[in-house]
Each structure stands twice: as structure tokens, then as C-alpha cells.
Protein backbone atom coordinates (compact mmCIF):
# COMPACT_ATOMS: atom_id res chain seq x y z
CA ASP A 1 9.59 48.63 68.12
CA LYS A 2 7.41 48.53 64.93
CA GLU A 3 4.53 50.18 67.05
CA ASP A 4 6.30 53.50 66.84
CA GLY A 5 8.35 52.95 63.88
CA THR A 6 11.53 53.39 65.65
CA SER A 7 13.42 49.85 64.75
CA GLN A 8 12.70 46.72 62.97
CA THR A 9 11.25 44.38 65.87
CA TRP A 10 7.80 43.95 67.29
CA LEU A 11 6.57 44.09 70.79
CA TYR A 12 4.59 40.97 71.30
CA PRO A 13 2.74 40.26 74.21
CA SER A 14 3.92 37.37 76.66
CA PRO A 15 1.50 34.68 77.19
CA GLN A 16 0.61 36.24 80.54
CA MET A 17 0.04 39.61 79.09
CA PHE A 18 -2.24 37.82 76.27
CA TRP A 19 -4.24 35.93 79.22
CA ASN A 20 -4.60 39.09 81.05
CA SER A 21 -5.95 40.80 77.95
CA LEU A 22 -8.31 37.98 77.20
CA ILE A 23 -9.85 38.50 80.61
CA ARG A 24 -10.13 42.05 80.54
CA LYS A 25 -11.99 41.99 77.08
CA ASP A 26 -14.08 39.26 78.27
CA LYS A 27 -12.90 36.83 75.51
CA VAL A 28 -11.88 33.75 77.30
CA ASP A 29 -14.71 31.99 75.70
CA GLY A 30 -13.29 28.35 76.66
CA ALA A 31 -9.52 29.25 76.31
CA LYS A 32 -6.88 28.05 78.98
CA GLU A 33 -4.31 29.73 80.43
CA GLU A 34 -2.02 26.81 79.66
CA ASP A 35 -2.59 27.40 76.21
CA MET A 36 -1.56 30.62 75.78
CA ASP A 37 1.97 29.74 74.41
CA VAL A 38 0.50 28.26 71.37
CA VAL A 39 -2.02 31.00 71.13
CA VAL A 40 0.42 33.97 71.37
CA SER A 41 2.62 31.99 68.81
CA VAL A 42 -0.29 32.04 66.27
CA HIS A 43 -1.02 35.61 67.01
CA ASN A 44 2.62 36.40 66.53
CA ASN A 45 2.70 34.66 63.36
CA MET A 46 -0.53 36.06 62.10
CA ASN A 47 0.90 39.58 62.49
CA GLU A 48 4.21 38.70 60.75
CA ARG A 49 2.18 37.50 57.78
CA THR A 50 -0.05 40.43 57.68
CA TRP A 51 2.93 42.75 57.77
CA ASN A 52 4.71 40.95 55.00
CA GLU A 53 1.47 41.35 53.14
CA ILE A 54 1.34 45.00 53.54
CA MET A 55 5.12 45.34 52.41
CA LYS A 56 4.20 43.32 49.23
CA TRP A 57 1.29 45.76 48.45
CA GLU A 58 3.65 48.71 49.14
CA GLU A 59 6.18 47.25 47.00
CA LEU A 60 3.71 46.46 44.21
CA LYS A 61 2.21 50.38 44.54
CA SER A 62 5.47 51.94 44.58
CA ASN A 63 7.30 49.75 42.15
CA GLY A 64 10.35 49.82 44.61
CA ALA A 65 10.71 53.49 44.46
CA TYR A 66 9.97 54.56 48.01
CA LEU A 67 9.81 58.35 48.22
CA GLY A 68 11.13 59.41 51.36
CA GLY A 69 11.95 55.89 52.57
CA PRO A 70 10.60 52.54 52.86
CA PRO A 71 7.07 51.96 54.56
CA LYS A 72 7.04 51.65 58.29
CA LEU A 73 4.24 50.90 60.71
CA LEU A 74 3.18 54.21 62.51
CA ARG A 75 0.61 52.77 64.61
CA PHE A 76 -1.02 49.46 65.53
CA GLU A 77 -4.38 49.52 67.44
CA GLY A 78 -6.49 46.68 68.58
CA LYS A 79 -10.09 47.38 68.46
CA PRO A 80 -11.70 44.26 69.87
CA TYR A 81 -15.40 45.76 70.10
CA ASP A 82 -15.52 47.64 66.64
CA LEU A 83 -16.58 45.81 63.72
CA SER A 84 -15.39 46.90 60.24
CA ILE A 85 -17.76 47.39 57.47
CA LYS A 86 -16.47 44.12 55.88
CA ALA A 87 -17.12 42.32 59.21
CA ARG A 88 -20.73 43.74 59.20
CA ILE A 89 -21.36 42.48 55.79
CA LYS A 90 -20.03 39.21 56.33
CA MET A 91 -21.97 38.60 59.40
CA PHE A 92 -25.27 39.74 57.51
CA PHE A 93 -24.42 36.63 55.23
CA GLY A 94 -24.26 34.41 58.09
CA HIS A 95 -20.56 34.40 59.16
CA PRO A 96 -19.55 34.46 62.64
CA ALA A 97 -18.31 37.77 64.10
CA PRO A 98 -14.39 38.20 64.11
CA PHE A 99 -12.65 37.42 67.27
CA ASP A 100 -10.59 40.80 67.17
CA ARG A 101 -9.79 43.74 64.91
CA HIS A 102 -6.62 45.55 64.44
CA ASP A 103 -6.20 48.52 62.35
CA TRP A 104 -2.74 49.21 61.11
CA TRP A 105 -1.48 52.82 59.99
CA VAL A 106 1.43 52.79 57.60
CA ASP A 107 3.79 55.67 57.03
CA GLN A 108 4.22 55.23 52.86
CA GLY A 109 7.49 56.84 52.80
CA GLY A 110 6.63 60.37 52.28
């Protein structure tokens, strides 16, 4: 899975796993269990789009010459209660708190 860099597929949560996670993190906030198929679809799409943006950035930085191999995801960690500096600044200026945070560790090929 992409979580440990051993293959090219993601391990995504099932709708039930996602729902259980919302309950565990106290983040239900009006969500309904029957909506989880759609929520998981949006969640998965966002992760795929984020990975594509990471790859664009890595391509730009390396100009396609990856020393030691192409970038791969080493670790993906959800931090639902930790705010980034950017989130804190945005909240200071009146933006709402983000729903969740994910940190991505990328092996840049060397």
C-alpha cells in the first residue's frame, strides 16, 4: 500500500470504518451513517488529488531526474486535533477550523 511505500495502491477506509472513526474522534457533527459512501468517495478523491499535486511538485523540483528512484509515500498520518501553523493563522483571521489534518512523509528518491 502507499502507506508504507510497498506498492502503488492506497488503502482506503470503508464507509463503516470512516463512520467509526468520526464517532471515535467526536467529529460526527450532523453527519449521517447513510452518507458515508459519498463522504468516503470525496475523501478518497481528495487524497488522490493531493498525491498528484505532490508528484507534480516532485517532478518540478527534480526536473524528472529522480536520484535513487521516483518519490513514494513513506508515511501518512492523520492528526485530527493538531492544528498547523497555517490553520492557526487562518483561524486568527476568521476562517473556520479545519475538519482534519493529514501529514504526508515522502521519500524523494534518495
